[in-house]
Amino acid sequence: MEVLILFTCRDSALIAAPLAQSCTRAGISWGAFFTNDGVEALQDAAVAGAMAGASRAVACQESWNRYLPETACPVELGSQTDNSAMLADARRIVSL
């Protein structure tokens, strides 16, 4: 994967959604990992829609259960182990 976008806070959506959409338009392989209150960014329609272009999109299950326990997750639920694997696979990392 060329770019991994880390959503670490709810405000990540402001920058990350346009970045993800740009990567998709440019044909760049990218992925996303959501952690802490960054999982709340998935409630943003632009972010949720952009995930269709990701090679992989994972939300930390612990964070999801903490911040959005009554909501179905629109991406794969995983752990910090998934985050580590995605970091190892990425050529570039954007942490927001």
C-alpha atoms as a PDB file:
ATOM      1  CA  MET A   1       0.000   0.000   0.000  1.00  0.00           C
ATOM      2  CA  GLU A   2       1.316   3.423  -0.908  1.00  0.00           C
ATOM      3  CA  VAL A   3      -0.399   5.531   1.795  1.00  0.00           C
ATOM      4  CA  LEU A   4      -1.879   4.662   5.186  1.00  0.00           C
ATOM      5  CA  ILE A   5      -4.152   7.277   6.737  1.00  0.00           C
ATOM      6  CA  LEU A   6      -4.461   7.051  10.516  1.00  0.00           C
ATOM      7  CA  PHE A   7      -7.630   8.599  11.922  1.00  0.00           C
ATOM      8  CA  THR A   8      -6.696   9.297  15.541  1.00  0.00           C
ATOM      9  CA  CYS A   9      -9.270  11.975  16.408  1.00  0.00           C
ATOM     10  CA  ARG A  10     -12.797  12.846  15.297  1.00  0.00           C
ATOM     11  CA  ASP A  11     -11.558  15.976  13.490  1.00  0.00           C
ATOM     12  CA  SER A  12      -9.437  13.813  11.168  1.00  0.00           C
ATOM     13  CA  ALA A  13     -12.369  13.742   8.760  1.00  0.00           C
ATOM     14  CA  LEU A  14     -11.779  17.365   7.765  1.00  0.00           C
ATOM     15  CA  ILE A  15      -8.443  16.560   6.136  1.00  0.00           C
ATOM     16  CA  ALA A  16      -8.523  12.814   5.593  1.00  0.00           C
ATOM     17  CA  ALA A  17     -11.712  12.524   3.541  1.00  0.00           C
ATOM     18  CA  PRO A  18     -10.420  14.808   0.738  1.00  0.00           C
ATOM     19  CA  LEU A  19      -6.999  13.133   0.930  1.00  0.00           C
ATOM     20  CA  ALA A  20      -8.531   9.661   0.588  1.00  0.00           C
ATOM     21  CA  GLN A  21     -10.699  10.781  -2.315  1.00  0.00           C
ATOM     22  CA  SER A  22      -7.649  12.295  -4.029  1.00  0.00           C
ATOM     23  CA  CYS A  23      -5.687   9.065  -3.619  1.00  0.00           C
ATOM     24  CA  THR A  24      -8.522   7.092  -5.187  1.00  0.00           C
ATOM     25  CA  ARG A  25      -8.822   9.513  -8.124  1.00  0.00           C
ATOM     26  CA  ALA A  26      -5.047   9.312  -8.680  1.00  0.00           C
ATOM     27  CA  GLY A  27      -5.050   5.512  -8.598  1.00  0.00           C
ATOM     28  CA  ILE A  28      -2.888   5.393  -5.471  1.00  0.00           C
ATOM     29  CA  SER A  29      -3.280   2.347  -3.245  1.00  0.00           C
ATOM     30  CA  TRP A  30      -4.230   3.524   0.231  1.00  0.00           C
ATOM     31  CA  GLY A  31      -5.667   2.242   3.464  1.00  0.00           C
ATOM     32  CA  ALA A  32      -7.167   3.631   6.650  1.00  0.00           C
ATOM     33  CA  PHE A  33      -7.005   2.763  10.322  1.00  0.00           C
ATOM     34  CA  PHE A  34      -9.367   4.384  12.835  1.00  0.00           C
ATOM     35  CA  THR A  35      -8.472   4.545  16.515  1.00  0.00           C
ATOM     36  CA  ASN A  36      -9.370   6.492  19.668  1.00  0.00           C
ATOM     37  CA  ASP A  37     -12.221   8.952  18.964  1.00  0.00           C
ATOM     38  CA  GLY A  38     -11.069   8.889  15.332  1.00  0.00           C
ATOM     39  CA  VAL A  39     -13.635   6.110  14.864  1.00  0.00           C
ATOM     40  CA  GLU A  40     -16.266   8.859  15.056  1.00  0.00           C
ATOM     41  CA  ALA A  41     -14.986  10.146  11.698  1.00  0.00           C
ATOM     42  CA  LEU A  42     -16.771   7.177  10.147  1.00  0.00           C
ATOM     43  CA  GLN A  43     -20.061   8.930  10.935  1.00  0.00           C
ATOM     44  CA  ASP A  44     -19.091  11.571   8.361  1.00  0.00           C
ATOM     45  CA  ALA A  45     -20.716  10.672   5.031  1.00  0.00           C
ATOM     46  CA  ALA A  46     -17.658  11.798   3.034  1.00  0.00           C
ATOM     47  CA  VAL A  47     -15.336   9.592   5.085  1.00  0.00           C
ATOM     48  CA  ALA A  48     -17.644   6.576   4.948  1.00  0.00           C
ATOM     49  CA  GLY A  49     -18.039   6.996   1.193  1.00  0.00           C
ATOM     50  CA  ALA A  50     -14.305   7.386   0.640  1.00  0.00           C
ATOM     51  CA  MET A  51     -13.642   4.013   2.290  1.00  0.00           C
ATOM     52  CA  ALA A  52     -14.930   2.285  -0.856  1.00  0.00           C
ATOM     53  CA  GLY A  53     -11.632   3.262  -2.506  1.00  0.00           C
ATOM     54  CA  ALA A  54      -9.413   1.904   0.278  1.00  0.00           C
ATOM     55  CA  SER A  55      -7.407  -1.255  -0.196  1.00  0.00           C
ATOM     56  CA  ARG A  56      -8.206  -1.899   3.469  1.00  0.00           C
ATOM     57  CA  ALA A  57     -10.099   0.081   6.112  1.00  0.00           C
ATOM     58  CA  VAL A  58     -10.059  -1.064   9.744  1.00  0.00           C
ATOM     59  CA  ALA A  59     -11.481   0.406  12.935  1.00  0.00           C
ATOM     60  CA  CYS A  60     -10.025  -0.513  16.317  1.00  0.00           C
ATOM     61  CA  GLN A  61     -12.709  -2.614  17.954  1.00  0.00           C
ATOM     62  CA  GLU A  62     -11.851  -1.348  21.446  1.00  0.00           C
ATOM     63  CA  SER A  63     -12.275   2.249  20.277  1.00  0.00           C
ATOM     64  CA  TRP A  64     -15.460   1.435  18.391  1.00  0.00           C
ATOM     65  CA  ASN A  65     -16.976  -0.224  21.452  1.00  0.00           C
ATOM     66  CA  ARG A  66     -16.010   2.757  23.593  1.00  0.00           C
ATOM     67  CA  TYR A  67     -17.242   5.596  21.373  1.00  0.00           C
ATOM     68  CA  LEU A  68     -19.969   4.062  19.179  1.00  0.00           C
ATOM     69  CA  PRO A  69     -21.163   0.901  20.946  1.00  0.00           C
ATOM     70  CA  GLU A  70     -24.728   0.982  19.608  1.00  0.00           C
ATOM     71  CA  THR A  71     -23.735   1.599  15.980  1.00  0.00           C
ATOM     72  CA  ALA A  72     -22.839  -0.873  13.218  1.00  0.00           C
ATOM     73  CA  CYS A  73     -19.297  -0.315  11.972  1.00  0.00           C
ATOM     74  CA  PRO A  74     -19.092   0.371   8.201  1.00  0.00           C
ATOM     75  CA  VAL A  75     -15.531  -0.990   7.931  1.00  0.00           C
ATOM     76  CA  GLU A  76     -13.665  -4.027   9.211  1.00  0.00           C
ATOM     77  CA  LEU A  77     -13.247  -4.201  12.982  1.00  0.00           C
ATOM     78  CA  GLY A  78      -9.750  -5.090  14.122  1.00  0.00           C
ATOM     79  CA  SER A  79      -7.070  -4.401  16.673  1.00  0.00           C
ATOM     80  CA  GLN A  80      -3.824  -2.535  17.129  1.00  0.00           C
ATOM     81  CA  THR A  81      -2.164  -5.643  15.680  1.00  0.00           C
ATOM     82  CA  ASP A  82      -3.941  -4.847  12.398  1.00  0.00           C
ATOM     83  CA  ASN A  83      -2.670  -1.280  12.718  1.00  0.00           C
ATOM     84  CA  SER A  84       0.902  -2.560  13.106  1.00  0.00           C
ATOM     85  CA  ALA A  85       0.578  -4.811  10.063  1.00  0.00           C
ATOM     86  CA  MET A  86      -0.825  -1.980   7.980  1.00  0.00           C
ATOM     87  CA  LEU A  87       1.968   0.350   9.130  1.00  0.00           C
ATOM     88  CA  ALA A  88       4.553  -2.222   8.063  1.00  0.00           C
ATOM     89  CA  ASP A  89       2.909  -2.507   4.632  1.00  0.00           C
ATOM     90  CA  ALA A  90       2.653   1.250   3.969  1.00  0.00           C
ATOM     91  CA  ARG A  91       5.244   3.279   2.094  1.00  0.00           C
ATOM     92  CA  ARG A  92       3.911   6.557   3.515  1.00  0.00           C
ATOM     93  CA  ILE A  93       1.932   7.283   6.678  1.00  0.00           C
ATOM     94  CA  VAL A  94      -0.359  10.228   7.330  1.00  0.00           C
ATOM     95  CA  SER A  95      -1.348  10.405  10.984  1.00  0.00           C
ATOM     96  CA  LEU A  96      -4.147  12.801  11.848  1.00  0.00           C
END
